[in-house]
Amino acid sequence: MPKGYWIVRVDVTDPEQYQHYVAANAAAFSKYGARFLVRAGRSETMEGEARGRNVVLEFADYDTALACWKSPEYQHAIAQRVGACVIDLLVIEGYDGAQPA
């Protein structure tokens, strides 16, 4: 079964308030087994529009990734970031099929 992922792009506008979100999201991430693959490391935007911070989270599967976003724990975290950032967040199913030869 393919893994599930969150692909997140964020521009933080209020770093102090955003830290409340970071503290609050840990409960949901722990409960749903999220694993950071990318967490605001160096990046270059080769095409399209950039955001200041990029994150990729891995989950056991798509349903778990979606359940985490919909969970009361994560909804509480979302309330903590209101007014602190502009965010694009995509929940997506991974691919485990054949690769190009």
N, C-alpha and C. Protein backbone atom coordinates (compact mmCIF):
# COMPACT_ATOMS: atom_id res chain seq x y z
N MET A 1 0.86 -1.18 0.00
CA MET A 1 0.00 0.00 0.00
C MET A 1 0.90 1.25 0.00
N PRO A 2 0.61 2.20 -0.89
CA PRO A 2 1.43 3.41 -0.94
C PRO A 2 1.31 4.24 0.33
N LYS A 3 2.36 4.94 0.64
CA LYS A 3 2.35 5.84 1.79
C LYS A 3 1.53 7.09 1.45
N GLY A 4 1.19 7.85 2.48
CA GLY A 4 0.51 9.13 2.30
C GLY A 4 1.46 10.25 2.69
N TYR A 5 1.27 11.40 2.09
CA TYR A 5 2.18 12.53 2.34
C TYR A 5 1.40 13.83 2.49
N TRP A 6 1.97 14.72 3.25
CA TRP A 6 1.58 16.13 3.23
C TRP A 6 2.72 16.87 2.55
N ILE A 7 2.38 17.68 1.58
CA ILE A 7 3.34 18.60 0.98
C ILE A 7 2.87 19.99 1.37
N VAL A 8 3.72 20.70 2.08
CA VAL A 8 3.34 21.97 2.69
C VAL A 8 4.31 23.06 2.26
N ARG A 9 3.76 24.20 1.87
CA ARG A 9 4.55 25.39 1.53
C ARG A 9 4.01 26.54 2.38
N VAL A 10 4.89 27.23 3.08
CA VAL A 10 4.45 28.23 4.06
C VAL A 10 5.27 29.51 3.95
N ASP A 11 4.60 30.64 4.04
CA ASP A 11 5.25 31.93 4.30
C ASP A 11 4.81 32.35 5.69
N VAL A 12 5.74 32.37 6.62
CA VAL A 12 5.44 32.75 8.00
C VAL A 12 5.43 34.28 8.07
N THR A 13 4.32 34.84 8.56
CA THR A 13 4.19 36.29 8.66
C THR A 13 4.30 36.78 10.11
N ASP A 14 4.10 35.89 11.06
CA ASP A 14 4.23 36.22 12.48
C ASP A 14 4.93 35.05 13.18
N PRO A 15 6.28 35.09 13.22
CA PRO A 15 7.04 33.97 13.76
C PRO A 15 6.68 33.60 15.20
N GLU A 16 6.40 34.59 16.02
CA GLU A 16 6.05 34.30 17.42
C GLU A 16 4.74 33.52 17.50
N GLN A 17 3.72 33.95 16.79
CA GLN A 17 2.44 33.24 16.77
C GLN A 17 2.58 31.86 16.13
N TYR A 18 3.39 31.77 15.09
CA TYR A 18 3.58 30.51 14.38
C TYR A 18 4.15 29.43 15.30
N GLN A 19 4.95 29.83 16.27
CA GLN A 19 5.52 28.86 17.21
C GLN A 19 4.44 28.17 18.04
N HIS A 20 3.32 28.84 18.27
CA HIS A 20 2.19 28.20 18.96
C HIS A 20 1.63 27.05 18.11
N TYR A 21 1.57 27.26 16.80
CA TYR A 21 1.12 26.22 15.88
C TYR A 21 2.10 25.04 15.90
N VAL A 22 3.39 25.33 15.82
CA VAL A 22 4.41 24.28 15.83
C VAL A 22 4.29 23.43 17.10
N ALA A 23 4.10 24.06 18.23
CA ALA A 23 3.95 23.34 19.49
C ALA A 23 2.68 22.49 19.48
N ALA A 24 1.60 23.03 18.92
CA ALA A 24 0.31 22.33 18.94
C ALA A 24 0.24 21.18 17.94
N ASN A 25 0.94 21.28 16.82
CA ASN A 25 0.80 20.22 15.80
C ASN A 25 1.49 18.92 16.21
N ALA A 26 2.37 18.98 17.18
CA ALA A 26 3.11 17.78 17.61
C ALA A 26 2.17 16.68 18.10
N ALA A 27 1.08 17.03 18.75
CA ALA A 27 0.15 16.03 19.27
C ALA A 27 -0.45 15.21 18.12
N ALA A 28 -0.89 15.89 17.07
CA ALA A 28 -1.48 15.18 15.91
C ALA A 28 -0.41 14.36 15.19
N PHE A 29 0.76 14.94 15.00
CA PHE A 29 1.81 14.23 14.27
C PHE A 29 2.24 12.97 15.01
N SER A 30 2.32 13.04 16.31
CA SER A 30 2.68 11.88 17.11
C SER A 30 1.59 10.81 17.04
N LYS A 31 0.34 11.23 17.21
CA LYS A 31 -0.79 10.29 17.21
C LYS A 31 -0.91 9.54 15.88
N TYR A 32 -0.63 10.21 14.76
CA TYR A 32 -0.81 9.62 13.44
C TYR A 32 0.50 9.13 12.80
N GLY A 33 1.57 9.13 13.57
CA GLY A 33 2.83 8.56 13.10
C GLY A 33 3.51 9.33 11.98
N ALA A 34 3.33 10.64 11.96
CA ALA A 34 3.96 11.47 10.92
C ALA A 34 5.47 11.44 11.06
N ARG A 35 6.14 11.47 9.93
CA ARG A 35 7.60 11.49 9.90
C ARG A 35 8.03 12.60 8.95
N PHE A 36 8.85 13.53 9.45
CA PHE A 36 9.35 14.61 8.61
C PHE A 36 10.38 14.06 7.63
N LEU A 37 10.16 14.30 6.34
CA LEU A 37 11.14 14.00 5.31
C LEU A 37 11.87 15.27 4.89
N VAL A 38 11.14 16.37 4.90
CA VAL A 38 11.68 17.70 4.59
C VAL A 38 11.14 18.64 5.64
N ARG A 39 12.03 19.45 6.20
CA ARG A 39 11.58 20.41 7.21
C ARG A 39 12.40 21.70 7.10
N ALA A 40 12.03 22.51 6.10
CA ALA A 40 12.58 23.86 5.94
C ALA A 40 14.07 23.90 5.67
N GLY A 41 14.60 22.90 4.98
CA GLY A 41 16.01 22.93 4.60
C GLY A 41 16.24 23.87 3.43
N ARG A 42 17.46 23.87 2.95
CA ARG A 42 17.80 24.71 1.80
C ARG A 42 16.97 24.31 0.59
N SER A 43 16.60 25.29 -0.22
CA SER A 43 15.85 24.99 -1.44
C SER A 43 16.05 26.10 -2.46
N GLU A 44 15.82 25.75 -3.70
CA GLU A 44 15.79 26.72 -4.80
C GLU A 44 14.55 26.44 -5.61
N THR A 45 13.78 27.45 -5.90
CA THR A 45 12.59 27.29 -6.72
C THR A 45 13.02 27.38 -8.18
N MET A 46 12.89 26.28 -8.88
CA MET A 46 13.30 26.23 -10.28
C MET A 46 12.19 26.67 -11.22
N GLU A 47 10.94 26.45 -10.81
CA GLU A 47 9.78 26.89 -11.60
C GLU A 47 8.66 27.21 -10.63
N GLY A 48 7.78 28.11 -11.02
CA GLY A 48 6.64 28.46 -10.19
C GLY A 48 7.00 29.45 -9.09
N GLU A 49 6.08 29.61 -8.16
CA GLU A 49 6.25 30.57 -7.08
C GLU A 49 6.81 29.90 -5.84
N ALA A 50 7.69 30.61 -5.17
CA ALA A 50 8.33 30.08 -3.96
C ALA A 50 7.56 30.50 -2.72
N ARG A 51 7.74 29.73 -1.68
CA ARG A 51 7.32 30.09 -0.32
C ARG A 51 8.58 29.99 0.53
N GLY A 52 8.57 30.62 1.67
CA GLY A 52 9.75 30.68 2.52
C GLY A 52 10.11 29.38 3.20
N ARG A 53 9.14 28.50 3.40
CA ARG A 53 9.37 27.28 4.17
C ARG A 53 8.65 26.13 3.46
N ASN A 54 9.33 25.00 3.33
CA ASN A 54 8.75 23.81 2.68
C ASN A 54 8.87 22.63 3.63
N VAL A 55 7.81 21.81 3.67
CA VAL A 55 7.78 20.65 4.56
C VAL A 55 7.14 19.48 3.81
N VAL A 56 7.70 18.29 3.98
CA VAL A 56 7.07 17.06 3.49
C VAL A 56 7.00 16.11 4.68
N LEU A 57 5.78 15.67 4.97
CA LEU A 57 5.54 14.70 6.04
C LEU A 57 5.08 13.39 5.43
N GLU A 58 5.58 12.28 5.97
CA GLU A 58 5.20 10.95 5.50
C GLU A 58 4.32 10.26 6.53
N PHE A 59 3.28 9.57 6.05
CA PHE A 59 2.37 8.80 6.89
C PHE A 59 2.31 7.37 6.36
N ALA A 60 1.78 6.47 7.14
CA ALA A 60 1.69 5.05 6.76
C ALA A 60 0.94 4.88 5.44
N ASP A 61 -0.10 5.68 5.22
CA ASP A 61 -0.89 5.59 3.99
C ASP A 61 -1.71 6.88 3.84
N TYR A 62 -2.39 6.98 2.71
CA TYR A 62 -3.18 8.17 2.40
C TYR A 62 -4.28 8.43 3.43
N ASP A 63 -4.99 7.36 3.82
CA ASP A 63 -6.09 7.52 4.77
C ASP A 63 -5.59 8.06 6.11
N THR A 64 -4.42 7.63 6.54
CA THR A 64 -3.85 8.14 7.79
C THR A 64 -3.45 9.60 7.65
N ALA A 65 -2.88 9.96 6.51
CA ALA A 65 -2.51 11.36 6.26
C ALA A 65 -3.74 12.26 6.30
N LEU A 66 -4.82 11.80 5.68
CA LEU A 66 -6.06 12.57 5.66
C LEU A 66 -6.69 12.64 7.05
N ALA A 67 -6.68 11.51 7.77
CA ALA A 67 -7.24 11.48 9.13
C ALA A 67 -6.49 12.43 10.05
N CYS A 68 -5.19 12.54 9.88
CA CYS A 68 -4.42 13.46 10.72
C CYS A 68 -4.89 14.89 10.49
N TRP A 69 -5.04 15.28 9.21
CA TRP A 69 -5.48 16.65 8.93
C TRP A 69 -6.86 16.92 9.51
N LYS A 70 -7.75 15.94 9.42
CA LYS A 70 -9.13 16.11 9.89
C LYS A 70 -9.28 15.95 11.41
N SER A 71 -8.25 15.49 12.08
CA SER A 71 -8.34 15.18 13.51
C SER A 71 -8.59 16.42 14.37
N PRO A 72 -9.23 16.24 15.51
CA PRO A 72 -9.41 17.37 16.44
C PRO A 72 -8.08 17.97 16.88
N GLU A 73 -7.06 17.12 17.01
CA GLU A 73 -5.75 17.62 17.43
C GLU A 73 -5.16 18.59 16.39
N TYR A 74 -5.26 18.21 15.12
CA TYR A 74 -4.71 19.09 14.10
C TYR A 74 -5.59 20.32 13.86
N GLN A 75 -6.88 20.15 13.96
CA GLN A 75 -7.76 21.31 13.82
C GLN A 75 -7.47 22.34 14.91
N HIS A 76 -7.14 21.87 16.10
CA HIS A 76 -6.71 22.78 17.18
C HIS A 76 -5.43 23.50 16.78
N ALA A 77 -4.49 22.77 16.19
CA ALA A 77 -3.24 23.39 15.75
C ALA A 77 -3.49 24.45 14.68
N ILE A 78 -4.38 24.15 13.75
CA ILE A 78 -4.71 25.13 12.70
C ILE A 78 -5.17 26.44 13.33
N ALA A 79 -5.99 26.36 14.36
CA ALA A 79 -6.49 27.58 15.02
C ALA A 79 -5.35 28.40 15.60
N GLN A 80 -4.24 27.76 15.93
CA GLN A 80 -3.10 28.47 16.51
C GLN A 80 -2.31 29.25 15.46
N ARG A 81 -2.45 28.89 14.20
CA ARG A 81 -1.66 29.55 13.16
C ARG A 81 -2.43 30.65 12.42
N VAL A 82 -3.71 30.85 12.74
CA VAL A 82 -4.50 31.87 12.07
C VAL A 82 -3.81 33.23 12.22
N GLY A 83 -3.58 33.88 11.08
CA GLY A 83 -2.94 35.18 11.08
C GLY A 83 -1.43 35.13 11.18
N ALA A 84 -0.85 33.92 11.27
CA ALA A 84 0.60 33.79 11.44
C ALA A 84 1.31 33.35 10.17
N CYS A 85 0.54 32.93 9.15
CA CYS A 85 1.19 32.43 7.95
C CYS A 85 0.20 32.36 6.78
N VAL A 86 0.79 32.20 5.61
CA VAL A 86 0.05 31.86 4.40
C VAL A 86 0.53 30.46 4.04
N ILE A 87 -0.40 29.53 3.83
CA ILE A 87 -0.01 28.13 3.69
C ILE A 87 -0.71 27.46 2.52
N ASP A 88 0.02 26.59 1.83
CA ASP A 88 -0.54 25.65 0.85
C ASP A 88 -0.25 24.28 1.43
N LEU A 89 -1.28 23.43 1.59
CA LEU A 89 -1.09 22.11 2.17
C LEU A 89 -1.84 21.11 1.32
N LEU A 90 -1.10 20.13 0.82
CA LEU A 90 -1.65 19.10 -0.06
C LEU A 90 -1.50 17.75 0.61
N VAL A 91 -2.58 16.98 0.71
CA VAL A 91 -2.52 15.59 1.17
C VAL A 91 -2.55 14.74 -0.09
N ILE A 92 -1.55 13.86 -0.24
CA ILE A 92 -1.42 13.12 -1.50
C ILE A 92 -0.97 11.68 -1.24
N GLU A 93 -1.44 10.79 -2.08
CA GLU A 93 -1.04 9.39 -2.00
C GLU A 93 0.27 9.19 -2.75
N GLY A 94 1.17 8.42 -2.15
CA GLY A 94 2.44 8.11 -2.79
C GLY A 94 2.27 7.13 -3.95
N TYR A 95 3.35 6.84 -4.60
CA TYR A 95 3.36 5.94 -5.75
C TYR A 95 4.30 4.78 -5.45
N ASP A 96 3.84 3.56 -5.64
CA ASP A 96 4.71 2.41 -5.40
C ASP A 96 4.75 1.47 -6.61
N GLY A 97 4.50 2.02 -7.79
CA GLY A 97 4.52 1.23 -9.02
C GLY A 97 5.90 1.17 -9.66
N ALA A 98 5.92 0.71 -10.86
CA ALA A 98 7.17 0.58 -11.61
C ALA A 98 7.81 1.95 -11.85
N GLN A 99 9.12 1.95 -11.87
CA GLN A 99 9.90 3.16 -12.13
C GLN A 99 10.46 3.11 -13.54
N PRO A 100 10.77 4.28 -14.12
CA PRO A 100 11.35 4.29 -15.46
C PRO A 100 12.66 3.51 -15.50
N ALA A 101 12.88 2.82 -16.59
CA ALA A 101 14.10 2.03 -16.73
C ALA A 101 15.26 2.90 -17.20
